PDB file of N, CA and C in Angstrom:
ATOM      1  N   MET A   1     100.928   8.309 -23.538  1.00  0.00           N
ATOM      2  CA  MET A   1     100.116   9.452 -23.894  1.00  0.00           C
ATOM      3  C   MET A   1     101.010  10.690 -23.972  1.00  0.00           C
ATOM      4  N   ALA A   2     100.797  11.501 -24.949  1.00  0.00           N
ATOM      5  CA  ALA A   2     101.631  12.678 -25.161  1.00  0.00           C
ATOM      6  C   ALA A   2     101.535  13.653 -23.985  1.00  0.00           C
ATOM      7  N   ALA A   3     100.349  13.771 -23.407  1.00  0.00           N
ATOM      8  CA  ALA A   3     100.186  14.699 -22.284  1.00  0.00           C
ATOM      9  C   ALA A   3     101.040  14.282 -21.093  1.00  0.00           C
ATOM     10  N   ASP A   4     101.217  12.974 -20.882  1.00  0.00           N
ATOM     11  CA  ASP A   4     102.052  12.501 -19.779  1.00  0.00           C
ATOM     12  C   ASP A   4     103.512  12.887 -19.976  1.00  0.00           C
ATOM     13  N   LEU A   5     103.947  13.006 -21.217  1.00  0.00           N
ATOM     14  CA  LEU A   5     105.321  13.376 -21.487  1.00  0.00           C
ATOM     15  C   LEU A   5     105.586  14.848 -21.173  1.00  0.00           C
ATOM     16  N   ILE A   6     104.554  15.653 -21.252  1.00  0.00           N
ATOM     17  CA  ILE A   6     104.698  17.086 -21.024  1.00  0.00           C
ATOM     18  C   ILE A   6     104.616  17.420 -19.536  1.00  0.00           C
ATOM     19  N   ARG A   7     103.750  16.734 -18.807  1.00  0.00           N
ATOM     20  CA  ARG A   7     103.559  17.040 -17.387  1.00  0.00           C
ATOM     21  C   ARG A   7     104.729  16.510 -16.559  1.00  0.00           C
ATOM     22  N   SER A   8     105.113  17.259 -15.569  1.00  0.00           N
ATOM     23  CA  SER A   8     106.195  16.827 -14.684  1.00  0.00           C
ATOM     24  C   SER A   8     105.674  15.717 -13.761  1.00  0.00           C
ATOM     25  N   PRO A   9     106.575  14.930 -13.200  1.00  0.00           N
ATOM     26  CA  PRO A   9     106.139  13.884 -12.261  1.00  0.00           C
ATOM     27  C   PRO A   9     105.357  14.442 -11.073  1.00  0.00           C
ATOM     28  N   ALA A  10     105.739  15.619 -10.602  1.00  0.00           N
ATOM     29  CA  ALA A  10     105.017  16.219  -9.479  1.00  0.00           C
ATOM     30  C   ALA A  10     103.583  16.563  -9.858  1.00  0.00           C
ATOM     31  N   VAL A  11     103.401  17.059 -11.058  1.00  0.00           N
ATOM     32  CA  VAL A  11     102.048  17.400 -11.522  1.00  0.00           C
ATOM     33  C   VAL A  11     101.237  16.134 -11.736  1.00  0.00           C
ATOM     34  N   ARG A  12     101.855  15.092 -12.277  1.00  0.00           N
ATOM     35  CA  ARG A  12     101.152  13.817 -12.465  1.00  0.00           C
ATOM     36  C   ARG A  12     100.720  13.246 -11.122  1.00  0.00           C
ATOM     37  N   LEU A  13     101.587  13.345 -10.107  1.00  0.00           N
ATOM     38  CA  LEU A  13     101.241  12.872  -8.769  1.00  0.00           C
ATOM     39  C   LEU A  13     100.083  13.684  -8.198  1.00  0.00           C
ATOM     40  N   LEU A  14     100.137  14.990  -8.339  1.00  0.00           N
ATOM     41  CA  LEU A  14      99.061  15.856  -7.865  1.00  0.00           C
ATOM     42  C   LEU A  14      97.736  15.475  -8.518  1.00  0.00           C
ATOM     43  N   HIS A  15      97.747  15.286  -9.830  1.00  0.00           N
ATOM     44  CA  HIS A  15      96.520  14.941 -10.545  1.00  0.00           C
ATOM     45  C   HIS A  15      95.998  13.573 -10.125  1.00  0.00           C
ATOM     46  N   ALA A  16      96.878  12.613  -9.901  1.00  0.00           N
ATOM     47  CA  ALA A  16      96.452  11.286  -9.452  1.00  0.00           C
ATOM     48  C   ALA A  16      95.791  11.384  -8.079  1.00  0.00           C
ATOM     49  N   ARG A  17      96.382  12.183  -7.194  1.00  0.00           N
ATOM     50  CA  ARG A  17      95.790  12.355  -5.860  1.00  0.00           C
ATOM     51  C   ARG A  17      94.444  13.066  -5.935  1.00  0.00           C
ATOM     52  N   GLN A  18      94.343  14.062  -6.805  1.00  0.00           N
ATOM     53  CA  GLN A  18      93.072  14.770  -6.971  1.00  0.00           C
ATOM     54  C   GLN A  18      92.006  13.838  -7.545  1.00  0.00           C
ATOM     55  N   ASP A  19      92.378  13.044  -8.546  1.00  0.00           N
ATOM     56  CA  ASP A  19      91.429  12.103  -9.138  1.00  0.00           C
ATOM     57  C   ASP A  19      90.981  11.063  -8.118  1.00  0.00           C
ATOM     58  N   HIS A  20      91.905  10.610  -7.271  1.00  0.00           N
ATOM     59  CA  HIS A  20      91.562   9.668  -6.209  1.00  0.00           C
ATOM     60  C   HIS A  20      90.519  10.280  -5.271  1.00  0.00           C
ATOM     61  N   ALA A  21      90.734  11.516  -4.857  1.00  0.00           N
ATOM     62  CA  ALA A  21      89.801  12.185  -3.952  1.00  0.00           C
ATOM     63  C   ALA A  21      88.436  12.381  -4.613  1.00  0.00           C
ATOM     64  N   ILE A  22      88.427  12.733  -5.884  1.00  0.00           N
ATOM     65  CA  ILE A  22      87.161  12.911  -6.609  1.00  0.00           C
ATOM     66  C   ILE A  22      86.385  11.604  -6.646  1.00  0.00           C
ATOM     67  N   CYS A  23      87.077  10.512  -6.930  1.00  0.00           N
ATOM     68  CA  CYS A  23      86.411   9.203  -7.001  1.00  0.00           C
ATOM     69  C   CYS A  23      85.872   8.790  -5.639  1.00  0.00           C
ATOM     70  N   LEU A  24      86.590   9.096  -4.564  1.00  0.00           N
ATOM     71  CA  LEU A  24      86.087   8.775  -3.228  1.00  0.00           C
ATOM     72  C   LEU A  24      84.828   9.572  -2.915  1.00  0.00           C
ATOM     73  N   ARG A  25      84.814  10.842  -3.300  1.00  0.00           N
ATOM     74  CA  ARG A  25      83.603  11.654  -3.072  1.00  0.00           C
ATOM     75  C   ARG A  25      82.441  11.122  -3.902  1.00  0.00           C
ATOM     76  N   LEU A  26      82.721  10.719  -5.116  1.00  0.00           N
ATOM     77  CA  LEU A  26      81.681  10.151  -5.971  1.00  0.00           C
ATOM     78  C   LEU A  26      81.137   8.858  -5.367  1.00  0.00           C
ATOM     79  N   ALA A  27      82.032   7.997  -4.877  1.00  0.00           N
ATOM     80  CA  ALA A  27      81.603   6.749  -4.247  1.00  0.00           C
ATOM     81  C   ALA A  27      80.745   7.041  -3.010  1.00  0.00           C
ATOM     82  N   ALA A  28      81.125   8.048  -2.241  1.00  0.00           N
ATOM     83  CA  ALA A  28      80.335   8.411  -1.056  1.00  0.00           C
ATOM     84  C   ALA A  28      78.945   8.891  -1.457  1.00  0.00           C
ATOM     85  N   SER A  29      78.876   9.621  -2.547  1.00  0.00           N
ATOM     86  CA  SER A  29      77.583  10.083  -3.044  1.00  0.00           C
ATOM     87  C   SER A  29      76.700   8.899  -3.439  1.00  0.00           C
ATOM     88  N   TYR A  30      77.288   7.951  -4.147  1.00  0.00           N
ATOM     89  CA  TYR A  30      76.525   6.750  -4.518  1.00  0.00           C
ATOM     90  C   TYR A  30      76.114   5.974  -3.277  1.00  0.00           C
ATOM     91  N   ARG A  31      76.972   5.904  -2.268  1.00  0.00           N
ATOM     92  CA  ARG A  31      76.662   5.177  -1.034  1.00  0.00           C
ATOM     93  C   ARG A  31      75.468   5.819  -0.334  1.00  0.00           C
ATOM     94  N   GLN A  32      75.415   7.148  -0.325  1.00  0.00           N
ATOM     95  CA  GLN A  32      74.275   7.832   0.286  1.00  0.00           C
ATOM     96  C   GLN A  32      72.991   7.528  -0.478  1.00  0.00           C
ATOM     97  N   ARG A  33      73.084   7.476  -1.790  1.00  0.00           N
ATOM     98  CA  ARG A  33      71.903   7.167  -2.601  1.00  0.00           C
ATOM     99  C   ARG A  33      71.440   5.736  -2.363  1.00  0.00           C
ATOM    100  N   ILE A  34      72.408   4.819  -2.193  1.00  0.00           N
ATOM    101  CA  ILE A  34      72.062   3.432  -1.899  1.00  0.00           C
ATOM    102  C   ILE A  34      71.360   3.354  -0.544  1.00  0.00           C
ATOM    103  N   ALA A  35      71.893   4.075   0.443  1.00  0.00           N
ATOM    104  CA  ALA A  35      71.287   4.085   1.776  1.00  0.00           C
ATOM    105  C   ALA A  35      69.880   4.668   1.746  1.00  0.00           C
ATOM    106  N   ALA A  36      69.627   5.559   0.795  1.00  0.00           N
ATOM    107  CA  ALA A  36      68.303   6.162   0.658  1.00  0.00           C
ATOM    108  C   ALA A  36      67.346   5.261  -0.112  1.00  0.00           C
ATOM    109  N   GLY A  37      67.821   4.085  -0.502  1.00  0.00           N
ATOM    110  CA  GLY A  37      66.936   3.131  -1.162  1.00  0.00           C
ATOM    111  C   GLY A  37      67.137   2.966  -2.653  1.00  0.00           C
ATOM    112  N   GLU A  38      68.088   3.683  -3.225  1.00  0.00           N
ATOM    113  CA  GLU A  38      68.334   3.577  -4.669  1.00  0.00           C
ATOM    114  C   GLU A  38      69.315   2.426  -4.938  1.00  0.00           C
ATOM    115  N   ARG A  39      68.817   1.216  -4.889  1.00  0.00           N
ATOM    116  CA  ARG A  39      69.662   0.035  -5.032  1.00  0.00           C
ATOM    117  C   ARG A  39      70.296  -0.070  -6.422  1.00  0.00           C
ATOM    118  N   ASP A  40      69.754   0.632  -7.389  1.00  0.00           N
ATOM    119  CA  ASP A  40      70.319   0.602  -8.742  1.00  0.00           C
ATOM    120  C   ASP A  40      71.679   1.309  -8.812  1.00  0.00           C
ATOM    121  N   GLN A  41      72.100   1.935  -7.727  1.00  0.00           N
ATOM    122  CA  GLN A  41      73.382   2.642  -7.698  1.00  0.00           C
ATOM    123  C   GLN A  41      74.541   1.759  -7.223  1.00  0.00           C
ATOM    124  N   LEU A  42      74.267   0.480  -6.946  1.00  0.00           N
ATOM    125  CA  LEU A  42      75.315  -0.421  -6.463  1.00  0.00           C
ATOM    126  C   LEU A  42      76.457  -0.566  -7.468  1.00  0.00           C
ATOM    127  N   ALA A  43      76.127  -0.728  -8.734  1.00  0.00           N
ATOM    128  CA  ALA A  43      77.173  -0.891  -9.754  1.00  0.00           C
ATOM    129  C   ALA A  43      77.991   0.393  -9.904  1.00  0.00           C
ATOM    130  N   ALA A  44      77.333   1.531  -9.850  1.00  0.00           N
ATOM    131  CA  ALA A  44      78.039   2.808  -9.961  1.00  0.00           C
ATOM    132  C   ALA A  44      78.964   3.004  -8.759  1.00  0.00           C
ATOM    133  N   HIS A  45      78.523   2.592  -7.583  1.00  0.00           N
ATOM    134  CA  HIS A  45      79.348   2.704  -6.380  1.00  0.00           C
ATOM    135  C   HIS A  45      80.597   1.842  -6.523  1.00  0.00           C
ATOM    136  N   ALA A  46      80.421   0.616  -6.974  1.00  0.00           N
ATOM    137  CA  ALA A  46      81.561  -0.284  -7.170  1.00  0.00           C
ATOM    138  C   ALA A  46      82.514   0.274  -8.225  1.00  0.00           C
ATOM    139  N   TRP A  47      81.979   0.856  -9.268  1.00  0.00           N
ATOM    140  CA  TRP A  47      82.803   1.455 -10.322  1.00  0.00           C
ATOM    141  C   TRP A  47      83.649   2.595  -9.758  1.00  0.00           C
ATOM    142  N   ALA A  48      83.024   3.480  -8.980  1.00  0.00           N
ATOM    143  CA  ALA A  48      83.750   4.624  -8.404  1.00  0.00           C
ATOM    144  C   ALA A  48      84.825   4.151  -7.424  1.00  0.00           C
ATOM    145  N   LEU A  49      84.526   3.123  -6.633  1.00  0.00           N
ATOM    146  CA  LEU A  49      85.536   2.589  -5.719  1.00  0.00           C
ATOM    147  C   LEU A  49      86.695   1.966  -6.476  1.00  0.00           C
ATOM    148  N   GLY A  50      86.388   1.284  -7.576  1.00  0.00           N
ATOM    149  CA  GLY A  50      87.443   0.699  -8.403  1.00  0.00           C
ATOM    150  C   GLY A  50      88.366   1.765  -8.976  1.00  0.00           C
ATOM    151  N   LEU A  51      87.790   2.852  -9.436  1.00  0.00           N
ATOM    152  CA  LEU A  51      88.613   3.951  -9.956  1.00  0.00           C
ATOM    153  C   LEU A  51      89.445   4.590  -8.841  1.00  0.00           C
ATOM    154  N   ALA A  52      88.857   4.733  -7.665  1.00  0.00           N
ATOM    155  CA  ALA A  52      89.601   5.307  -6.539  1.00  0.00           C
ATOM    156  C   ALA A  52      90.802   4.427  -6.202  1.00  0.00           C
ATOM    157  N   ARG A  53      90.606   3.113  -6.209  1.00  0.00           N
ATOM    158  CA  ARG A  53      91.724   2.203  -5.942  1.00  0.00           C
ATOM    159  C   ARG A  53      92.804   2.347  -7.003  1.00  0.00           C
ATOM    160  N   ARG A  54      92.375   2.441  -8.260  1.00  0.00           N
ATOM    161  CA  ARG A  54      93.331   2.584  -9.355  1.00  0.00           C
ATOM    162  C   ARG A  54      94.163   3.848  -9.185  1.00  0.00           C
ATOM    163  N   TRP A  55      93.502   4.976  -8.881  1.00  0.00           N
ATOM    164  CA  TRP A  55      94.228   6.233  -8.718  1.00  0.00           C
ATOM    165  C   TRP A  55      95.126   6.222  -7.492  1.00  0.00           C
ATOM    166  N   ARG A  56      94.698   5.505  -6.423  1.00  0.00           N
ATOM    167  CA  ARG A  56      95.557   5.383  -5.248  1.00  0.00           C
ATOM    168  C   ARG A  56      96.838   4.637  -5.607  1.00  0.00           C
ATOM    169  N   LEU A  57      96.708   3.570  -6.408  1.00  0.00           N
ATOM    170  CA  LEU A  57      97.884   2.810  -6.832  1.00  0.00           C
ATOM    171  C   LEU A  57      98.784   3.632  -7.742  1.00  0.00           C
ATOM    172  N   VAL A  58      98.190   4.405  -8.641  1.00  0.00           N
ATOM    173  CA  VAL A  58      98.968   5.284  -9.515  1.00  0.00           C
ATOM    174  C   VAL A  58      99.743   6.305  -8.685  1.00  0.00           C
ATOM    175  N   ALA A  59      99.046   6.900  -7.706  1.00  0.00           N
ATOM    176  CA  ALA A  59      99.697   7.888  -6.843  1.00  0.00           C
ATOM    177  C   ALA A  59     100.829   7.262  -6.046  1.00  0.00           C
ATOM    178  N   ALA A  60     100.615   6.051  -5.550  1.00  0.00           N
ATOM    179  CA  ALA A  60     101.661   5.361  -4.787  1.00  0.00           C
ATOM    180  C   ALA A  60     102.864   5.079  -5.675  1.00  0.00           C
ATOM    181  N   GLU A  61     102.622   4.677  -6.901  1.00  0.00           N
ATOM    182  CA  GLU A  61     103.707   4.411  -7.839  1.00  0.00           C
ATOM    183  C   GLU A  61     104.477   5.688  -8.161  1.00  0.00           C
ATOM    184  N   LEU A  62     103.756   6.774  -8.395  1.00  0.00           N
ATOM    185  CA  LEU A  62     104.411   8.032  -8.730  1.00  0.00           C
ATOM    186  C   LEU A  62     105.198   8.617  -7.568  1.00  0.00           C
ATOM    187  N   SER A  63     104.729   8.351  -6.348  1.00  0.00           N
ATOM    188  CA  SER A  63     105.429   8.903  -5.184  1.00  0.00           C
ATOM    189  C   SER A  63     106.585   8.030  -4.740  1.00  0.00           C
ATOM    190  N   GLY A  64     106.687   6.847  -5.336  1.00  0.00           N
ATOM    191  CA  GLY A  64     107.783   5.947  -4.975  1.00  0.00           C
ATOM    192  C   GLY A  64     107.459   5.054  -3.804  1.00  0.00           C
ATOM    193  N   ALA A  65     106.254   5.166  -3.257  1.00  0.00           N
ATOM    194  CA  ALA A  65     105.842   4.305  -2.145  1.00  0.00           C
ATOM    195  C   ALA A  65     105.371   2.972  -2.704  1.00  0.00           C
ATOM    196  N   HIS A  66     105.702   1.901  -2.018  1.00  0.00           N
ATOM    197  CA  HIS A  66     105.272   0.577  -2.478  1.00  0.00           C
ATOM    198  C   HIS A  66     104.535  -0.149  -1.395  1.00  0.00           C
TER     199      HIS A  66
END
């Protein structure tokens, strides 16, 4: 992606960490809705957790941690 070529590695790492945190908050929101009885939010919760895992892996790769 052209935008990745322009952003520095530090900025890419920052954005990956921010996206990870956003996805975790979103997953927590879905979890609260599920606990309140909205069982139709199970797929959305799993989706948000999957994205959070993806961003955590991206952040780990960018930071050099394995």
